[in-house]
C-alpha cells in the first residue's frame, strides 16, 4: 500500500486555518479524494467513482501544485 503524507506549512499565507488547509490540499475534501484515489489505484474503486468524488468535493484538477505556489 502506498502512503500519502498530509500536513501543512506556510503560516501567514492565509487568514484562517481552513483556508490554509484548502490551499495546501489537506482539508477534508482533499483527504477524502486521496483515500478514494488510493482505493482506485488498488482496484477497489472505479475511475467513475473517483470522478464522482472530484465533482462532489469540488476538487480543482487544474489548480497548480501548492508546493510551488
C-alpha atoms as a PDB file:
ATOM      1  CA  UNK A   1       0.000   0.000   0.000  1.00  0.00           C
ATOM      2  CA  UNK A   2       1.301   3.460  -0.923  1.00  0.00           C
ATOM      3  CA  UNK A   3       1.331   6.056   1.856  1.00  0.00           C
ATOM      4  CA  UNK A   4       0.242   9.655   1.387  1.00  0.00           C
ATOM      5  CA  UNK A   5       1.682  12.458   3.504  1.00  0.00           C
ATOM      6  CA  UNK A   6      -0.760  15.011   4.867  1.00  0.00           C
ATOM      7  CA  UNK A   7       0.210  18.261   6.545  1.00  0.00           C
ATOM      8  CA  UNK A   8       0.642  21.988   6.102  1.00  0.00           C
ATOM      9  CA  UNK A   9       3.355  24.551   6.223  1.00  0.00           C
ATOM     10  CA  UNK A  10       3.052  28.217   5.408  1.00  0.00           C
ATOM     11  CA  UNK A  11       1.902  30.123   8.476  1.00  0.00           C
ATOM     12  CA  UNK A  12       0.879  33.596   7.373  1.00  0.00           C
ATOM     13  CA  UNK A  13      -0.311  32.550   3.898  1.00  0.00           C
ATOM     14  CA  UNK A  14      -3.983  32.641   4.886  1.00  0.00           C
ATOM     15  CA  UNK A  15      -6.097  34.425   7.444  1.00  0.00           C
ATOM     16  CA  UNK A  16      -7.719  31.184   8.636  1.00  0.00           C
ATOM     17  CA  UNK A  17      -6.604  27.611   9.188  1.00  0.00           C
ATOM     18  CA  UNK A  18      -9.433  26.369   6.947  1.00  0.00           C
ATOM     19  CA  UNK A  19      -8.158  28.444   4.012  1.00  0.00           C
ATOM     20  CA  UNK A  20      -4.600  27.269   4.651  1.00  0.00           C
ATOM     21  CA  UNK A  21      -5.692  23.610   4.680  1.00  0.00           C
ATOM     22  CA  UNK A  22      -7.607  24.149   1.419  1.00  0.00           C
ATOM     23  CA  UNK A  23      -4.601  25.889  -0.183  1.00  0.00           C
ATOM     24  CA  UNK A  24      -2.294  23.013   0.692  1.00  0.00           C
ATOM     25  CA  UNK A  25      -4.936  20.442  -0.303  1.00  0.00           C
ATOM     26  CA  UNK A  26      -5.190  18.806   3.116  1.00  0.00           C
ATOM     27  CA  UNK A  27      -8.737  19.721   4.085  1.00  0.00           C
ATOM     28  CA  UNK A  28     -11.431  17.065   4.425  1.00  0.00           C
ATOM     29  CA  UNK A  29     -12.288  17.133   0.723  1.00  0.00           C
ATOM     30  CA  UNK A  30      -8.721  16.514  -0.422  1.00  0.00           C
ATOM     31  CA  UNK A  31      -8.212  13.839   2.239  1.00  0.00           C
ATOM     32  CA  UNK A  32     -11.362  12.065   1.051  1.00  0.00           C
ATOM     33  CA  UNK A  33     -10.159  12.357  -2.537  1.00  0.00           C
ATOM     34  CA  UNK A  34      -6.727  10.945  -1.645  1.00  0.00           C
ATOM     35  CA  UNK A  35      -8.374   7.959   0.039  1.00  0.00           C
ATOM     36  CA  UNK A  36     -10.678   7.364  -2.925  1.00  0.00           C
ATOM     37  CA  UNK A  37      -7.812   7.669  -5.416  1.00  0.00           C
ATOM     38  CA  UNK A  38      -5.776   5.174  -3.353  1.00  0.00           C
ATOM     39  CA  UNK A  39      -8.698   2.732  -3.428  1.00  0.00           C
ATOM     40  CA  UNK A  40      -8.939   3.172  -7.191  1.00  0.00           C
ATOM     41  CA  UNK A  41      -5.199   2.561  -7.585  1.00  0.00           C
ATOM     42  CA  UNK A  42      -5.634  -0.723  -5.708  1.00  0.00           C
ATOM     43  CA  UNK A  43      -8.528  -1.674  -7.999  1.00  0.00           C
ATOM     44  CA  UNK A  44     -11.091  -1.378  -5.217  1.00  0.00           C
ATOM     45  CA  UNK A  45     -12.898   1.582  -6.780  1.00  0.00           C
ATOM     46  CA  UNK A  46     -13.671   2.579 -10.346  1.00  0.00           C
ATOM     47  CA  UNK A  47     -12.486   5.673 -12.208  1.00  0.00           C
ATOM     48  CA  UNK A  48     -16.156   6.681 -12.359  1.00  0.00           C
ATOM     49  CA  UNK A  49     -16.270   6.712  -8.553  1.00  0.00           C
ATOM     50  CA  UNK A  50     -13.155   8.869  -8.408  1.00  0.00           C
ATOM     51  CA  UNK A  51     -14.639  11.312 -10.934  1.00  0.00           C
ATOM     52  CA  UNK A  52     -17.849  11.487  -8.897  1.00  0.00           C
ATOM     53  CA  UNK A  53     -15.828  12.303  -5.757  1.00  0.00           C
ATOM     54  CA  UNK A  54     -13.875  15.023  -7.560  1.00  0.00           C
ATOM     55  CA  UNK A  55     -17.140  16.642  -8.566  1.00  0.00           C
ATOM     56  CA  UNK A  56     -18.801  16.155  -5.172  1.00  0.00           C
ATOM     57  CA  UNK A  57     -15.877  17.591  -3.211  1.00  0.00           C
ATOM     58  CA  UNK A  58     -15.233  20.377  -5.755  1.00  0.00           C
ATOM     59  CA  UNK A  59     -11.615  19.398  -6.339  1.00  0.00           C
ATOM     60  CA  UNK A  60      -9.953  21.627  -8.940  1.00  0.00           C
ATOM     61  CA  UNK A  61      -7.814  19.326 -11.094  1.00  0.00           C
ATOM     62  CA  UNK A  62      -6.272  22.345 -12.829  1.00  0.00           C
ATOM     63  CA  UNK A  63      -5.123  24.005  -9.592  1.00  0.00           C
ATOM     64  CA  UNK A  64      -1.333  24.483  -9.545  1.00  0.00           C
ATOM     65  CA  UNK A  65       0.611  22.345  -7.083  1.00  0.00           C
ATOM     66  CA  UNK A  66       0.634  24.306  -3.798  1.00  0.00           C
ATOM     67  CA  UNK A  67       4.206  23.240  -3.074  1.00  0.00           C
ATOM     68  CA  UNK A  68       5.474  25.558  -5.821  1.00  0.00           C
ATOM     69  CA  UNK A  69       2.914  28.321  -5.248  1.00  0.00           C
END
